């Protein structure tokens, strides 16, 4: 077992011990440090460099702890008073002011700092920007944070007459290729963080910033805003999906195309799909919007979303498309090819192909999409969509909501 694996095992068992003996502190039980936003189980060179630095710091502090603890234990046992006479005896000679001890402590402290400082500087240089030998293969993306969602622009993927490809809340990247991400903000300070791939970098108003990352292999990664930015900071999330070269190129070709149109067909009453969600069930406060099944195979779930849903209703989709304009959704959202050109909210051109909605808070399925449209304020307090409902006096019937769900899900 390597020293780092040994330390990881030691840390895990320490958490397990605390979790078992202090349930009030860790009510969920033992923590194994391999969750979706783990900084211990990493899958990219930048995060790995930062993890190695963490291990160095842990080893140095562990050595210091052992030395100090052993010295304290030795002094306590050797010089403790064993009899009443010893309790009244003159204390032994003290070491205060002893040059050997004083210089030894200073030298030891300096040595510990040097051991930590050298790999720290190496990690800073490595994580600052893409290594020179890989710069020619770098793929560039711009990530912009807003209250409370992320916009991703692909400057190398230009759409004729439109500009760069734009997506919302799901960052798709080529695997095993360095990605340089320019981070910006629309309003307050945000922070871009994908724990398994790279550390945190702040998005600061009126100041350009950047980071780089690389995924070792195709995978699905959880991201988070790591800087408090308002009421719904905790639910300002995003996803990073790393794909192989061919799959990534296919995704780009799909995303740069205009929004999908579903032809309106005349159906017999017996063939017409029945409307769903005539009434919305009651959701509990803070009820999760991501299922366990989805979490177990997120990349497969994302891939399944790239294809049209079975049982689509062209008539319902057409109604939802018309409602999208009449209910002023097009004033904020953009859908290329469907006449919607809003810029202040996520681009929805291919929204149906995304695995999450509400900035990574809800799984993109019938029920959760309906939940979001019905009452976005209940999902994400203070969000601008809910404010738009109030300011524009937007009222949606149950039938309107069903039609909008059908339309948005058709946008593959």
Protein backbone atom coordinates (compact mmCIF):
# COMPACT_ATOMS: atom_id res chain seq x y z
CA UNK A 1 0.00 0.00 0.00
CA UNK A 2 1.39 3.42 -0.95
CA UNK A 3 1.83 6.10 1.72
CA UNK A 4 -0.98 8.21 0.18
CA UNK A 5 -3.36 5.24 0.13
CA UNK A 6 -2.44 4.51 3.73
CA UNK A 7 -3.18 8.11 4.72
CA UNK A 8 -6.49 8.06 2.83
CA UNK A 9 -7.47 4.85 4.64
CA UNK A 10 -6.46 6.41 7.97
CA UNK A 11 -8.55 9.51 7.29
CA UNK A 12 -11.55 7.43 6.24
CA UNK A 13 -11.45 5.26 9.33
CA UNK A 14 -11.06 8.35 11.50
CA UNK A 15 -14.27 9.75 10.01
CA UNK A 16 -15.96 6.36 10.41
CA UNK A 17 -14.99 6.23 14.08
CA UNK A 18 -16.32 9.74 14.67
CA UNK A 19 -19.48 8.91 12.74
CA UNK A 20 -20.15 5.80 14.79
CA UNK A 21 -19.33 7.31 18.17
CA UNK A 22 -20.82 10.77 17.61
CA UNK A 23 -24.08 10.32 15.66
CA UNK A 24 -25.18 13.82 16.62
CA UNK A 25 -22.15 15.18 14.76
CA UNK A 26 -22.37 12.91 11.74
CA UNK A 27 -25.96 11.75 11.63
CA UNK A 28 -25.43 10.09 8.25
CA UNK A 29 -22.96 7.62 9.76
CA UNK A 30 -19.42 6.92 8.49
CA UNK A 31 -18.11 9.13 5.73
CA UNK A 32 -16.09 7.38 3.04
CA UNK A 33 -14.99 10.56 1.25
CA UNK A 34 -15.97 9.30 -2.21
CA UNK A 35 -19.11 11.34 -2.86
CA UNK A 36 -19.96 13.29 -5.98
CA UNK A 37 -17.92 16.30 -4.84
CA UNK A 38 -15.05 14.42 -3.24
CA UNK A 39 -11.62 16.03 -3.19
CA UNK A 40 -10.04 12.71 -2.16
CA UNK A 41 -11.22 10.55 -5.08
CA UNK A 42 -10.05 12.67 -8.03
CA UNK A 43 -10.10 12.10 -11.79
CA UNK A 44 -7.90 14.81 -13.28
CA UNK A 45 -4.28 16.03 -13.09
CA UNK A 46 -5.09 19.41 -11.51
CA UNK A 47 -7.16 17.92 -8.70
CA UNK A 48 -4.54 15.17 -8.28
CA UNK A 49 -1.79 17.77 -7.86
CA UNK A 50 -3.82 19.52 -5.18
CA UNK A 51 -4.58 16.20 -3.47
CA UNK A 52 -0.87 15.32 -3.38
CA UNK A 53 -0.15 18.68 -1.73
CA UNK A 54 -2.86 17.91 0.83
CA UNK A 55 -1.16 14.59 1.58
CA UNK A 56 2.23 16.30 2.08
CA UNK A 57 0.65 18.75 4.53
CA UNK A 58 -1.08 15.88 6.35
CA UNK A 59 2.15 13.88 6.67
CA UNK A 60 4.10 16.88 7.98
CA UNK A 61 1.44 17.74 10.55
CA UNK A 62 1.14 14.05 11.52
CA UNK A 63 4.89 13.90 12.19
CA UNK A 64 4.72 17.13 14.23
CA UNK A 65 1.75 15.74 16.17
CA UNK A 66 3.57 12.48 16.95
CA UNK A 67 6.75 14.27 18.09
CA UNK A 68 4.89 16.77 20.27
CA UNK A 69 2.53 14.12 21.64
CA UNK A 70 5.37 11.70 22.39
CA UNK A 71 7.39 14.43 24.13
CA UNK A 72 4.39 15.46 26.20
CA UNK A 73 3.66 11.85 27.15
CA UNK A 74 7.31 11.20 28.05
CA UNK A 75 7.52 14.34 30.21
CA UNK A 76 4.21 13.57 31.91
CA UNK A 77 5.18 10.00 32.78
CA UNK A 78 8.85 10.60 33.70
CA UNK A 79 8.42 13.69 35.83
CA UNK A 80 5.08 13.03 37.48
CA UNK A 81 5.01 13.07 41.29
CA UNK A 82 4.64 9.50 42.53
CA UNK A 83 4.69 10.17 46.30
CA UNK A 84 3.61 13.00 48.62
CA UNK A 85 7.31 13.79 49.17
CA UNK A 86 7.91 14.20 45.44
CA UNK A 87 4.93 16.56 45.24
CA UNK A 88 6.75 18.90 47.64
CA UNK A 89 10.19 18.46 46.02
CA UNK A 90 11.97 21.18 44.08
CA UNK A 91 11.08 20.99 40.38
CA UNK A 92 13.79 19.54 38.10
CA UNK A 93 16.04 21.81 36.07
CA UNK A 94 14.06 23.58 33.36
CA UNK A 95 15.06 23.76 29.70
CA UNK A 96 13.85 27.33 29.11
CA UNK A 97 16.58 29.31 27.41
CA UNK A 98 18.58 26.23 26.44
CA UNK A 99 20.23 27.19 23.12
CA UNK A 100 20.18 23.62 21.80
CA UNK A 101 16.46 23.24 22.41
CA UNK A 102 15.56 26.73 21.16
CA UNK A 103 17.61 26.40 17.95
CA UNK A 104 16.37 22.87 17.44
CA UNK A 105 12.73 24.01 17.60
CA UNK A 106 13.41 26.84 15.15
CA UNK A 107 15.26 24.53 12.75
CA UNK A 108 12.51 21.93 12.95
CA UNK A 109 9.82 24.53 12.23
CA UNK A 110 11.76 25.90 9.26
CA UNK A 111 12.32 22.39 7.91
CA UNK A 112 8.61 21.60 8.18
CA UNK A 113 7.72 24.82 6.34
CA UNK A 114 10.25 24.07 3.59
CA UNK A 115 8.89 20.55 3.13
CA UNK A 116 5.41 22.06 2.65
CA UNK A 117 6.53 25.12 0.67
CA UNK A 118 8.39 23.29 -2.12
CA UNK A 119 5.44 21.13 -3.31
CA UNK A 120 3.11 24.09 -2.71
CA UNK A 121 5.05 26.23 -5.19
CA UNK A 122 5.20 23.34 -7.64
CA UNK A 123 1.43 22.87 -7.38
CA UNK A 124 0.81 26.60 -7.86
CA UNK A 125 2.93 26.65 -11.01
CA UNK A 126 1.30 23.48 -12.33
CA UNK A 127 -2.32 24.48 -11.64
CA UNK A 128 -1.93 28.11 -12.70
CA UNK A 129 -2.13 27.44 -16.43
CA UNK A 130 -1.95 24.65 -18.98
CA UNK A 131 1.56 23.15 -19.15
CA UNK A 132 3.62 24.37 -22.13
CA UNK A 133 3.82 20.91 -23.67
CA UNK A 134 0.00 20.67 -23.79
CA UNK A 135 -0.91 24.22 -24.82
CA UNK A 136 -1.23 23.33 -28.52
CA UNK A 137 -4.00 20.85 -27.66
CA UNK A 138 -5.93 23.19 -25.34
CA UNK A 139 -9.68 23.63 -25.75
CA UNK A 140 -11.06 26.99 -24.59
CA UNK A 141 -14.42 27.71 -22.94
CA UNK A 142 -15.89 30.76 -21.16
CA UNK A 143 -17.96 30.16 -18.02
CA UNK A 144 -20.13 33.01 -16.72
CA UNK A 145 -21.90 32.91 -13.36
CA UNK A 146 -25.20 34.64 -12.59
CA UNK A 147 -27.75 34.51 -9.80
CA UNK A 148 -28.11 31.50 -9.79
CA UNK A 149 -26.95 29.63 -12.89
CA UNK A 150 -23.95 29.16 -15.18
CA UNK A 151 -23.60 30.05 -18.85
CA UNK A 152 -20.99 28.24 -20.96
CA UNK A 153 -19.72 29.64 -24.26
CA UNK A 154 -17.60 27.76 -26.80
CA UNK A 155 -15.66 30.38 -28.81
CA UNK A 156 -14.18 27.78 -31.15
CA UNK A 157 -17.65 26.48 -32.09
CA UNK A 158 -19.13 29.34 -34.09
CA UNK A 159 -22.70 29.31 -35.41
CA UNK A 160 -23.19 31.28 -38.63
CA UNK A 161 -25.05 34.53 -38.03
CA UNK A 162 -25.34 33.85 -34.29
CA UNK A 163 -21.93 33.65 -32.65
CA UNK A 164 -20.39 31.06 -30.34
CA UNK A 165 -22.25 27.99 -29.14
CA UNK A 166 -23.91 28.71 -25.78
CA UNK A 167 -25.24 26.21 -23.23
CA UNK A 168 -26.53 26.49 -19.69
CA UNK A 169 -25.58 24.67 -16.49
CA UNK A 170 -24.06 21.63 -18.22
CA UNK A 171 -20.47 21.95 -19.44
CA UNK A 172 -19.60 19.29 -21.99
CA UNK A 173 -15.87 18.85 -22.62
CA UNK A 174 -13.59 16.47 -24.52
CA UNK A 175 -11.99 13.93 -22.18
CA UNK A 176 -8.21 13.58 -21.81
CA UNK A 177 -7.66 17.06 -23.25
CA UNK A 178 -6.68 20.23 -21.34
CA UNK A 179 -9.56 22.68 -21.01
CA UNK A 180 -8.82 26.36 -20.31
CA UNK A 181 -11.87 28.00 -18.77
CA UNK A 182 -12.22 31.79 -18.70
CA UNK A 183 -14.44 32.61 -15.71
CA UNK A 184 -16.63 35.72 -15.63
CA UNK A 185 -19.68 36.97 -13.71
CA UNK A 186 -22.90 38.76 -14.62
CA UNK A 187 -23.43 40.27 -11.17
CA UNK A 188 -21.81 39.44 -7.81
CA UNK A 189 -18.77 37.29 -6.98
CA UNK A 190 -19.25 33.60 -7.73
CA UNK A 191 -16.75 30.74 -7.60
CA UNK A 192 -16.28 27.94 -10.13
CA UNK A 193 -15.53 24.56 -8.54
CA UNK A 194 -15.49 21.00 -9.89
CA UNK A 195 -13.89 19.15 -6.94
CA UNK A 196 -12.90 15.96 -8.77
CA UNK A 197 -11.23 17.89 -11.61
CA UNK A 198 -9.86 21.17 -10.17
CA UNK A 199 -9.94 23.61 -7.29
CA UNK A 200 -11.96 26.78 -6.80
CA UNK A 201 -11.46 29.97 -8.83
CA UNK A 202 -13.46 33.13 -8.16
CA UNK A 203 -15.59 34.89 -10.77
CA UNK A 204 -15.04 38.55 -9.94
CA UNK A 205 -16.97 41.51 -11.45
CA UNK A 206 -14.95 43.53 -13.99
CA UNK A 207 -11.96 41.22 -13.70
CA UNK A 208 -11.01 38.36 -15.99
CA UNK A 209 -9.94 35.12 -14.34
CA UNK A 210 -9.26 31.60 -15.54
CA UNK A 211 -8.39 28.02 -14.60
CA UNK A 212 -7.62 24.81 -16.42
CA UNK A 213 -8.66 21.23 -15.91
CA UNK A 214 -8.59 17.88 -17.65
CA UNK A 215 -10.70 14.76 -17.19
CA UNK A 216 -8.70 11.52 -17.30
CA UNK A 217 -11.53 9.71 -19.08
CA UNK A 218 -15.19 10.12 -20.06
CA UNK A 219 -17.28 10.80 -16.99
CA UNK A 220 -19.95 12.87 -15.25
CA UNK A 221 -18.87 15.39 -12.60
CA UNK A 222 -20.72 17.55 -10.07
CA UNK A 223 -19.85 21.28 -9.86
CA UNK A 224 -20.84 24.00 -7.42
CA UNK A 225 -20.60 27.73 -6.84
CA UNK A 226 -18.25 27.97 -3.84
CA UNK A 227 -18.70 31.66 -2.99
CA UNK A 228 -21.79 32.91 -1.15
CA UNK A 229 -23.74 34.91 -3.72
CA UNK A 230 -27.28 35.36 -2.40
CA UNK A 231 -30.41 33.53 -1.28
CA UNK A 232 -29.98 30.45 -3.47
CA UNK A 233 -26.22 30.14 -3.43
CA UNK A 234 -26.45 26.59 -2.07
CA UNK A 235 -28.47 25.48 -5.10
CA UNK A 236 -26.27 27.15 -7.72
CA UNK A 237 -24.86 23.98 -9.22
CA UNK A 238 -23.74 22.66 -12.57
CA UNK A 239 -22.45 19.51 -14.24
CA UNK A 240 -19.37 18.69 -16.30
CA UNK A 241 -19.73 15.89 -18.82
CA UNK A 242 -16.48 14.58 -20.35
CA UNK A 243 -16.84 12.66 -23.62
CA UNK A 244 -14.57 10.76 -25.98
CA UNK A 245 -13.47 12.53 -29.22
CA UNK A 246 -16.17 11.13 -31.52
CA UNK A 247 -18.97 11.50 -29.00
CA UNK A 248 -17.90 15.06 -28.25
CA UNK A 249 -17.83 15.98 -31.94
CA UNK A 250 -21.29 14.47 -32.40
CA UNK A 251 -22.55 16.50 -29.44
CA UNK A 252 -21.11 19.73 -30.91
CA UNK A 253 -22.79 19.01 -34.26
CA UNK A 254 -26.12 18.48 -32.49
CA UNK A 255 -25.81 21.59 -30.31
CA UNK A 256 -24.81 23.94 -33.15
CA UNK A 257 -27.92 22.96 -35.12
CA UNK A 258 -31.13 24.99 -34.66
CA UNK A 259 -33.77 23.80 -32.20
CA UNK A 260 -35.59 20.64 -33.18
CA UNK A 261 -39.00 20.98 -34.82
CA UNK A 262 -41.64 18.32 -34.32
CA UNK A 263 -43.99 18.26 -37.35
CA UNK A 264 -47.64 18.67 -36.51
CA UNK A 265 -49.53 15.53 -37.45
CA UNK A 266 -53.23 14.82 -37.45
CA UNK A 267 -53.89 11.99 -35.05
CA UNK A 268 -57.00 9.97 -34.39
CA UNK A 269 -58.42 10.41 -30.90
CA UNK A 270 -57.41 6.85 -30.04
CA UNK A 271 -53.77 7.54 -31.01
CA UNK A 272 -53.43 10.93 -29.34
CA UNK A 273 -51.22 10.76 -26.18
CA UNK A 274 -53.08 11.62 -23.03
CA UNK A 275 -52.02 14.79 -21.21
CA UNK A 276 -50.01 14.19 -18.07
CA UNK A 277 -49.76 16.10 -14.79
CA UNK A 278 -53.28 17.48 -14.85
CA UNK A 279 -52.62 18.25 -11.20
CA UNK A 280 -49.25 18.64 -9.52
CA UNK A 281 -48.58 16.52 -6.48
CA UNK A 282 -47.45 18.27 -3.31
CA UNK A 283 -43.68 18.46 -2.89
CA UNK A 284 -42.13 18.53 0.55
CA UNK A 285 -39.86 21.42 1.54
CA UNK A 286 -36.32 20.74 0.25
CA UNK A 287 -37.45 17.49 -1.38
CA UNK A 288 -34.58 16.21 -3.56
CA UNK A 289 -35.10 16.44 -7.28
CA UNK A 290 -32.45 13.86 -8.24
CA UNK A 291 -33.30 10.15 -8.05
CA UNK A 292 -30.99 7.45 -6.70
CA UNK A 293 -31.23 5.62 -10.02
CA UNK A 294 -30.04 8.72 -11.87
CA UNK A 295 -27.13 9.22 -9.44
CA UNK A 296 -25.91 5.64 -9.87
CA UNK A 297 -25.46 5.92 -13.66
CA UNK A 298 -25.44 9.66 -14.46
CA UNK A 299 -23.43 9.45 -17.70
CA UNK A 300 -25.75 6.78 -19.11
CA UNK A 301 -28.74 8.87 -18.04
CA UNK A 302 -27.25 11.89 -19.81
CA UNK A 303 -26.68 9.88 -22.99
CA UNK A 304 -30.29 8.67 -22.96
CA UNK A 305 -31.46 12.31 -22.87
CA UNK A 306 -29.92 12.97 -26.29
CA UNK A 307 -32.75 11.14 -28.05
CA UNK A 308 -36.42 12.16 -28.46
CA UNK A 309 -38.89 10.99 -25.83
CA UNK A 310 -41.28 8.18 -26.73
CA UNK A 311 -44.93 9.07 -27.13
CA UNK A 312 -44.45 12.73 -28.04
CA UNK A 313 -47.61 14.69 -28.85
CA UNK A 314 -47.01 17.03 -31.83
CA UNK A 315 -50.20 18.93 -31.00
CA UNK A 316 -49.18 19.46 -27.37
CA UNK A 317 -45.68 20.51 -28.44
CA UNK A 318 -47.11 23.04 -30.89
CA UNK A 319 -49.31 24.49 -28.15
CA UNK A 320 -46.32 24.74 -25.80
CA UNK A 321 -44.27 26.45 -28.49
CA UNK A 322 -46.96 29.11 -28.93
CA UNK A 323 -47.29 29.57 -25.16
CA UNK A 324 -43.53 30.08 -24.85
CA UNK A 325 -43.92 33.26 -26.87
CA UNK A 326 -47.28 34.52 -25.58
CA UNK A 327 -46.27 34.04 -21.93
CA UNK A 328 -43.12 36.16 -22.58
CA UNK A 329 -40.68 33.29 -21.85
CA UNK A 330 -38.90 34.33 -25.06
CA UNK A 331 -38.05 37.68 -23.50
CA UNK A 332 -35.43 36.02 -21.28
CA UNK A 333 -34.62 32.67 -22.91
CA UNK A 334 -33.18 31.98 -26.34
CA UNK A 335 -34.22 29.10 -28.61
CA UNK A 336 -32.39 29.27 -31.94
CA UNK A 337 -34.68 28.69 -34.91
CA UNK A 338 -37.88 29.23 -32.91
CA UNK A 339 -37.84 33.03 -32.73
CA UNK A 340 -36.82 33.29 -29.08
CA UNK A 341 -33.82 35.55 -28.54
CA UNK A 342 -33.64 36.41 -24.84
CA UNK A 343 -30.18 36.77 -23.30
CA UNK A 344 -30.73 37.13 -19.55
CA UNK A 345 -31.55 33.48 -18.82
CA UNK A 346 -30.20 30.08 -19.92
CA UNK A 347 -30.26 29.22 -23.62
CA UNK A 348 -32.91 26.50 -24.11
CA UNK A 349 -32.21 25.55 -27.74
CA UNK A 350 -31.41 21.96 -26.77
CA UNK A 351 -32.69 21.97 -23.22
CA UNK A 352 -34.37 18.56 -23.59
CA UNK A 353 -30.96 16.94 -24.02
CA UNK A 354 -29.70 18.09 -20.61
CA UNK A 355 -29.77 15.78 -17.62
CA UNK A 356 -30.64 18.48 -15.06
CA UNK A 357 -32.66 21.69 -14.79
CA UNK A 358 -32.73 24.58 -12.32
CA UNK A 359 -28.90 24.77 -12.38
CA UNK A 360 -28.30 21.17 -11.41
CA UNK A 361 -30.95 21.04 -8.67
CA UNK A 362 -33.59 18.90 -10.39
CA UNK A 363 -33.38 15.89 -12.67
CA UNK A 364 -34.65 16.74 -16.16
CA UNK A 365 -37.76 14.57 -16.32
CA UNK A 366 -41.51 15.16 -16.75
CA UNK A 367 -42.33 15.56 -13.07
CA UNK A 368 -39.40 17.77 -12.07
CA UNK A 369 -39.70 20.02 -15.14
CA UNK A 370 -43.36 20.48 -14.34
CA UNK A 371 -42.43 21.20 -10.71
CA UNK A 372 -39.99 23.91 -11.85
CA UNK A 373 -42.41 25.60 -14.27
CA UNK A 374 -45.26 25.48 -11.76
CA UNK A 375 -43.42 27.19 -8.89
CA UNK A 376 -39.73 28.06 -9.44
CA UNK A 377 -39.67 30.09 -6.22
CA UNK A 378 -40.28 26.95 -4.16
CA UNK A 379 -37.27 25.27 -5.74
CA UNK A 380 -34.86 28.21 -5.82
CA UNK A 381 -35.92 31.18 -3.62
CA UNK A 382 -35.28 34.62 -5.10
CA UNK A 383 -34.65 33.45 -8.67
CA UNK A 384 -35.39 35.80 -11.56
CA UNK A 385 -37.83 33.45 -13.28
CA UNK A 386 -40.17 33.65 -10.28
CA UNK A 387 -39.73 37.44 -10.29
CA UNK A 388 -40.67 37.46 -13.98
CA UNK A 389 -43.86 35.58 -13.17
CA UNK A 390 -44.79 38.28 -10.66
CA UNK A 391 -43.67 41.34 -12.65
CA UNK A 392 -45.42 40.22 -15.85
CA UNK A 393 -48.44 38.73 -14.06
CA UNK A 394 -47.89 35.38 -15.79
CA UNK A 395 -50.61 32.87 -14.98
CA UNK A 396 -50.37 29.28 -16.18
CA UNK A 397 -53.19 26.76 -16.13
CA UNK A 398 -52.51 23.07 -15.57
CA UNK A 399 -52.99 22.51 -19.32
CA UNK A 400 -50.52 25.31 -20.12
CA UNK A 401 -47.90 23.73 -17.87
CA UNK A 402 -48.35 20.32 -19.50
CA UNK A 403 -47.93 21.86 -22.97
CA UNK A 404 -44.79 23.77 -21.95
CA UNK A 405 -43.29 20.60 -20.46
CA UNK A 406 -43.96 18.72 -23.71
CA UNK A 407 -42.40 21.52 -25.79
CA UNK A 408 -39.26 21.90 -23.69
CA UNK A 409 -38.71 18.14 -23.56
CA UNK A 410 -38.86 18.02 -27.37
CA UNK A 411 -35.85 20.37 -27.65
CA UNK A 412 -33.18 17.71 -28.18
